[in-house]
N, C-alpha and C. Protein backbone atom coordinates (compact mmCIF):
# COMPACT_ATOMS: atom_id res chain seq x y z
N UNK A 1 34.86 -40.49 28.66
CA UNK A 1 34.51 -39.38 27.80
C UNK A 1 33.53 -38.46 28.53
N UNK A 2 33.71 -37.17 28.36
CA UNK A 2 32.85 -36.16 28.99
C UNK A 2 31.84 -35.64 27.98
N UNK A 3 30.62 -35.46 28.44
CA UNK A 3 29.56 -34.87 27.62
C UNK A 3 29.05 -33.66 28.37
N UNK A 4 28.98 -32.51 27.67
CA UNK A 4 28.61 -31.26 28.32
C UNK A 4 27.30 -30.73 27.76
N UNK A 5 26.58 -29.98 28.61
CA UNK A 5 25.39 -29.27 28.18
C UNK A 5 25.27 -28.01 29.02
N UNK A 6 24.76 -26.94 28.41
CA UNK A 6 24.59 -25.67 29.11
C UNK A 6 23.19 -25.15 28.88
N UNK A 7 22.70 -24.43 29.88
CA UNK A 7 21.42 -23.76 29.78
C UNK A 7 21.61 -22.37 30.38
N UNK A 8 21.27 -21.34 29.63
CA UNK A 8 21.57 -19.98 30.07
C UNK A 8 20.31 -19.14 30.18
N UNK A 9 20.38 -18.11 31.00
CA UNK A 9 19.33 -17.12 31.20
C UNK A 9 18.03 -17.74 31.72
N UNK A 10 18.15 -18.66 32.68
CA UNK A 10 16.97 -19.28 33.26
C UNK A 10 16.34 -18.34 34.28
N UNK A 11 15.02 -18.24 34.34
CA UNK A 11 14.36 -17.30 35.26
C UNK A 11 14.27 -17.84 36.69
N UNK A 12 15.40 -18.07 37.31
CA UNK A 12 15.47 -18.55 38.68
C UNK A 12 16.78 -18.02 39.27
N UNK A 13 16.81 -17.81 40.57
CA UNK A 13 18.06 -17.33 41.17
C UNK A 13 19.06 -18.48 41.24
N UNK A 14 20.33 -18.14 41.18
CA UNK A 14 21.38 -19.16 41.19
C UNK A 14 21.40 -19.90 42.53
N UNK A 15 21.07 -19.20 43.60
CA UNK A 15 21.08 -19.84 44.92
C UNK A 15 20.03 -20.95 45.00
N UNK A 16 18.85 -20.72 44.44
CA UNK A 16 17.81 -21.74 44.45
C UNK A 16 18.17 -22.91 43.53
N UNK A 17 18.83 -22.62 42.44
CA UNK A 17 19.25 -23.68 41.52
C UNK A 17 20.36 -24.53 42.15
N UNK A 18 21.24 -23.90 42.94
CA UNK A 18 22.33 -24.64 43.59
C UNK A 18 21.81 -25.66 44.59
N UNK A 19 20.69 -25.36 45.25
CA UNK A 19 20.11 -26.31 46.19
C UNK A 19 19.78 -27.63 45.51
N UNK A 20 19.29 -27.54 44.29
CA UNK A 20 18.93 -28.75 43.53
C UNK A 20 20.19 -29.40 42.97
N UNK A 21 21.13 -28.60 42.50
CA UNK A 21 22.36 -29.14 41.91
C UNK A 21 23.15 -29.94 42.92
N UNK A 22 23.19 -29.48 44.16
CA UNK A 22 23.94 -30.18 45.20
C UNK A 22 23.34 -31.55 45.51
N UNK A 23 22.06 -31.72 45.26
CA UNK A 23 21.40 -33.00 45.54
C UNK A 23 21.78 -34.07 44.53
N UNK A 24 22.00 -33.69 43.27
CA UNK A 24 22.22 -34.68 42.21
C UNK A 24 23.68 -34.84 41.80
N UNK A 25 24.56 -34.03 42.34
CA UNK A 25 25.98 -34.11 41.97
C UNK A 25 26.54 -35.47 42.39
N UNK A 26 27.18 -36.17 41.44
CA UNK A 26 27.77 -37.47 41.71
C UNK A 26 26.83 -38.65 41.50
N UNK A 27 25.55 -38.39 41.25
CA UNK A 27 24.58 -39.47 41.06
C UNK A 27 24.67 -40.05 39.66
N UNK A 28 24.12 -41.25 39.52
CA UNK A 28 23.90 -41.84 38.21
C UNK A 28 22.91 -40.95 37.46
N UNK A 29 23.10 -40.75 36.17
CA UNK A 29 22.27 -39.80 35.41
C UNK A 29 20.80 -40.22 35.38
N UNK A 30 20.53 -41.50 35.17
CA UNK A 30 19.15 -41.97 35.14
C UNK A 30 18.51 -41.82 36.52
N UNK A 31 19.25 -42.13 37.57
CA UNK A 31 18.74 -42.00 38.94
C UNK A 31 18.47 -40.54 39.28
N UNK A 32 19.33 -39.64 38.79
CA UNK A 32 19.14 -38.21 39.04
C UNK A 32 17.85 -37.71 38.41
N UNK A 33 17.52 -38.20 37.22
CA UNK A 33 16.27 -37.79 36.57
C UNK A 33 15.05 -38.24 37.38
N UNK A 34 15.12 -39.43 37.96
CA UNK A 34 14.01 -39.93 38.77
C UNK A 34 13.86 -39.10 40.05
N UNK A 35 14.98 -38.78 40.68
CA UNK A 35 14.94 -37.98 41.91
C UNK A 35 14.40 -36.59 41.62
N UNK A 36 14.83 -35.99 40.51
CA UNK A 36 14.40 -34.64 40.17
C UNK A 36 12.91 -34.58 39.82
N UNK A 37 12.39 -35.67 39.29
CA UNK A 37 10.97 -35.70 38.91
C UNK A 37 10.06 -35.50 40.11
N UNK A 38 10.50 -35.98 41.28
CA UNK A 38 9.66 -35.92 42.47
C UNK A 38 10.08 -34.83 43.44
N UNK A 39 11.01 -33.97 43.06
CA UNK A 39 11.41 -32.84 43.91
C UNK A 39 10.41 -31.71 43.76
N UNK A 40 10.04 -31.04 44.85
CA UNK A 40 9.06 -29.96 44.76
C UNK A 40 9.65 -28.61 44.36
N UNK A 41 10.96 -28.51 44.16
CA UNK A 41 11.60 -27.24 43.89
C UNK A 41 11.41 -26.81 42.43
N UNK A 42 11.39 -25.49 42.22
CA UNK A 42 11.27 -24.96 40.87
C UNK A 42 12.50 -25.31 40.03
N UNK A 43 13.67 -25.31 40.65
CA UNK A 43 14.90 -25.58 39.93
C UNK A 43 15.02 -27.01 39.45
N UNK A 44 14.27 -27.93 40.04
CA UNK A 44 14.34 -29.33 39.63
C UNK A 44 13.90 -29.50 38.18
N UNK A 45 12.95 -28.71 37.74
CA UNK A 45 12.47 -28.78 36.36
C UNK A 45 13.59 -28.41 35.39
N UNK A 46 14.30 -27.31 35.67
CA UNK A 46 15.36 -26.85 34.78
C UNK A 46 16.55 -27.80 34.79
N UNK A 47 16.91 -28.32 35.95
CA UNK A 47 18.05 -29.23 36.05
C UNK A 47 17.75 -30.55 35.35
N UNK A 48 16.51 -31.03 35.48
CA UNK A 48 16.16 -32.30 34.83
C UNK A 48 16.17 -32.15 33.30
N UNK A 49 15.72 -31.01 32.80
CA UNK A 49 15.77 -30.78 31.36
C UNK A 49 17.21 -30.73 30.86
N UNK A 50 18.10 -30.14 31.67
CA UNK A 50 19.50 -30.03 31.29
C UNK A 50 20.18 -31.39 31.27
N UNK A 51 19.92 -32.22 32.29
CA UNK A 51 20.52 -33.55 32.33
C UNK A 51 19.98 -34.43 31.21
N UNK A 52 18.68 -34.31 30.92
CA UNK A 52 18.10 -35.07 29.82
C UNK A 52 18.72 -34.64 28.48
N UNK A 53 19.01 -33.35 28.33
CA UNK A 53 19.65 -32.87 27.11
C UNK A 53 21.07 -33.41 26.99
N UNK A 54 21.79 -33.45 28.10
CA UNK A 54 23.16 -33.98 28.07
C UNK A 54 23.15 -35.48 27.75
N UNK A 55 22.17 -36.22 28.27
CA UNK A 55 22.05 -37.64 27.94
C UNK A 55 21.75 -37.83 26.46
N UNK A 56 20.89 -36.99 25.91
CA UNK A 56 20.58 -37.07 24.48
C UNK A 56 21.81 -36.75 23.64
N UNK A 57 22.63 -35.78 24.09
CA UNK A 57 23.88 -35.47 23.40
C UNK A 57 24.81 -36.67 23.42
N UNK A 58 24.87 -37.35 24.55
CA UNK A 58 25.76 -38.52 24.67
C UNK A 58 25.33 -39.64 23.72
N UNK A 59 24.03 -39.85 23.61
CA UNK A 59 23.54 -40.93 22.74
C UNK A 59 23.71 -40.59 21.26
N UNK A 60 23.29 -39.39 20.88
CA UNK A 60 23.25 -39.04 19.46
C UNK A 60 24.63 -38.68 18.91
N UNK A 61 25.40 -37.90 19.65
CA UNK A 61 26.66 -37.39 19.11
C UNK A 61 27.84 -38.33 19.33
N UNK A 62 27.84 -39.03 20.49
CA UNK A 62 29.00 -39.84 20.84
C UNK A 62 28.69 -41.34 20.91
N UNK A 63 27.44 -41.72 20.71
CA UNK A 63 26.98 -43.12 20.72
C UNK A 63 27.37 -43.82 22.01
N UNK A 64 27.09 -43.16 23.13
CA UNK A 64 27.35 -43.72 24.45
C UNK A 64 26.06 -44.29 25.03
N UNK A 65 26.19 -45.17 26.00
CA UNK A 65 25.03 -45.78 26.64
C UNK A 65 24.56 -44.91 27.80
N UNK A 66 23.24 -44.75 27.93
CA UNK A 66 22.68 -43.91 29.01
C UNK A 66 23.00 -44.46 30.39
N UNK A 67 23.02 -45.77 30.54
CA UNK A 67 23.22 -46.39 31.85
C UNK A 67 24.65 -46.24 32.36
N UNK A 68 25.59 -45.89 31.48
CA UNK A 68 26.99 -45.78 31.87
C UNK A 68 27.38 -44.37 32.28
N UNK A 69 26.44 -43.42 32.33
CA UNK A 69 26.77 -42.03 32.58
C UNK A 69 26.41 -41.63 34.01
N UNK A 70 27.23 -40.72 34.58
CA UNK A 70 26.90 -40.14 35.88
C UNK A 70 27.21 -38.64 35.84
N UNK A 71 26.63 -37.91 36.78
CA UNK A 71 26.78 -36.45 36.84
C UNK A 71 28.12 -36.15 37.52
N UNK A 72 29.12 -35.83 36.72
CA UNK A 72 30.45 -35.55 37.27
C UNK A 72 30.52 -34.14 37.84
N UNK A 73 30.03 -33.16 37.09
CA UNK A 73 30.05 -31.77 37.53
C UNK A 73 28.71 -31.14 37.17
N UNK A 74 28.20 -30.32 38.06
CA UNK A 74 27.02 -29.52 37.77
C UNK A 74 27.17 -28.21 38.54
N UNK A 75 27.01 -27.11 37.81
CA UNK A 75 27.27 -25.79 38.37
C UNK A 75 26.12 -24.86 38.04
N UNK A 76 25.73 -24.03 39.01
CA UNK A 76 24.74 -22.98 38.80
C UNK A 76 25.39 -21.63 39.10
N UNK A 77 25.58 -20.83 38.08
CA UNK A 77 26.18 -19.50 38.23
C UNK A 77 25.13 -18.43 38.02
N UNK A 78 25.43 -17.23 38.51
CA UNK A 78 24.50 -16.12 38.36
C UNK A 78 24.54 -15.58 36.94
N UNK A 79 23.36 -15.22 36.45
CA UNK A 79 23.24 -14.54 35.18
C UNK A 79 22.93 -13.08 35.42
N UNK A 80 22.62 -12.34 34.38
CA UNK A 80 22.30 -10.92 34.56
C UNK A 80 20.96 -10.74 35.27
N UNK A 81 20.87 -9.64 36.01
CA UNK A 81 19.63 -9.32 36.72
C UNK A 81 18.85 -8.29 35.92
N UNK A 82 17.55 -8.52 35.78
CA UNK A 82 16.70 -7.53 35.14
C UNK A 82 16.15 -6.62 36.22
N UNK A 83 16.27 -5.32 35.99
CA UNK A 83 15.77 -4.36 36.96
C UNK A 83 14.49 -3.74 36.42
N UNK A 84 13.42 -3.90 37.18
CA UNK A 84 12.13 -3.32 36.84
C UNK A 84 11.70 -2.43 38.00
N UNK A 85 10.87 -1.46 37.71
CA UNK A 85 10.44 -0.52 38.74
C UNK A 85 8.93 -0.45 38.79
N UNK A 86 8.41 -0.33 40.00
CA UNK A 86 6.97 -0.24 40.20
C UNK A 86 6.69 0.98 41.05
N UNK A 87 5.62 1.65 40.76
CA UNK A 87 5.27 2.86 41.50
C UNK A 87 4.94 2.51 42.94
N UNK A 88 5.46 3.32 43.86
CA UNK A 88 5.20 3.12 45.28
C UNK A 88 4.40 4.27 45.85
N UNK A 89 4.25 4.28 47.13
CA UNK A 89 3.47 5.32 47.80
C UNK A 89 4.22 6.65 47.79
N UNK A 90 3.47 7.75 47.78
CA UNK A 90 3.99 9.12 47.89
C UNK A 90 4.98 9.46 46.79
N UNK A 91 4.70 8.99 45.58
CA UNK A 91 5.50 9.36 44.43
C UNK A 91 6.84 8.66 44.31
N UNK A 92 7.06 7.67 45.11
CA UNK A 92 8.32 6.93 45.04
C UNK A 92 8.17 5.74 44.10
N UNK A 93 9.29 5.06 43.88
CA UNK A 93 9.23 3.82 43.10
C UNK A 93 9.93 2.72 43.87
N UNK A 94 9.48 1.51 43.63
CA UNK A 94 10.04 0.33 44.30
C UNK A 94 10.73 -0.54 43.25
N UNK A 95 12.00 -0.86 43.46
CA UNK A 95 12.68 -1.72 42.47
C UNK A 95 12.25 -3.18 42.60
N UNK A 96 12.09 -3.83 41.48
CA UNK A 96 11.85 -5.27 41.40
C UNK A 96 13.02 -5.86 40.63
N UNK A 97 13.82 -6.69 41.29
CA UNK A 97 15.00 -7.27 40.66
C UNK A 97 14.71 -8.72 40.34
N UNK A 98 14.79 -9.06 39.06
CA UNK A 98 14.50 -10.42 38.61
C UNK A 98 15.81 -11.12 38.28
N UNK A 99 16.23 -12.09 39.09
CA UNK A 99 17.50 -12.76 38.84
C UNK A 99 17.39 -13.81 37.73
N UNK A 100 18.54 -14.18 37.19
CA UNK A 100 18.61 -15.28 36.23
C UNK A 100 19.83 -16.12 36.56
N UNK A 101 19.89 -17.32 35.98
CA UNK A 101 20.97 -18.25 36.28
C UNK A 101 21.45 -18.93 35.00
N UNK A 102 22.72 -19.34 35.03
CA UNK A 102 23.30 -20.16 33.98
C UNK A 102 23.66 -21.51 34.59
N UNK A 103 23.17 -22.60 33.99
CA UNK A 103 23.49 -23.95 34.46
C UNK A 103 24.39 -24.64 33.46
N UNK A 104 25.32 -25.43 33.96
CA UNK A 104 26.13 -26.28 33.09
C UNK A 104 26.36 -27.61 33.78
N UNK A 105 26.36 -28.68 32.99
CA UNK A 105 26.52 -30.03 33.52
C UNK A 105 27.53 -30.78 32.66
N UNK A 106 28.29 -31.64 33.32
CA UNK A 106 29.24 -32.53 32.64
C UNK A 106 28.91 -33.95 33.07
N UNK A 107 28.55 -34.79 32.10
CA UNK A 107 28.31 -36.20 32.36
C UNK A 107 29.55 -36.97 31.93
N UNK A 108 29.88 -37.97 32.72
CA UNK A 108 31.08 -38.77 32.45
C UNK A 108 30.73 -40.25 32.49
N UNK A 109 31.45 -41.04 31.71
CA UNK A 109 31.26 -42.49 31.72
C UNK A 109 31.94 -43.09 32.93
N UNK A 110 31.35 -44.16 33.47
CA UNK A 110 32.00 -44.90 34.53
C UNK A 110 33.26 -45.57 34.00
N UNK A 111 34.30 -45.62 34.81
CA UNK A 111 35.53 -46.30 34.42
C UNK A 111 35.34 -47.80 34.56
N UNK A 112 35.88 -48.56 33.63
CA UNK A 112 35.72 -50.01 33.69
C UNK A 112 36.92 -50.67 34.31
């Protein structure tokens, strides 16, 4: 059985989130949470919250065991960019582009 969770409009670039996603893809879900806890990356916080949410969905909605789940798919896609402008020298303006990301994860049970 597959359990899905999504997190949208996160204030991080998709490229930085993908670095973390590639580390935990295919791992046991509980092991992935432990690895993410000690990662120094900003994206580790968002990915760990997403995996924890998917595990909670598996327990509450489908009555599955946490120890039987692994990260089958995890994807970080680009979200919309916010464009802000700041005054620059000699009457010009400097654009500030704030990226966002959409994360989605699929947890799957181990086959017996």
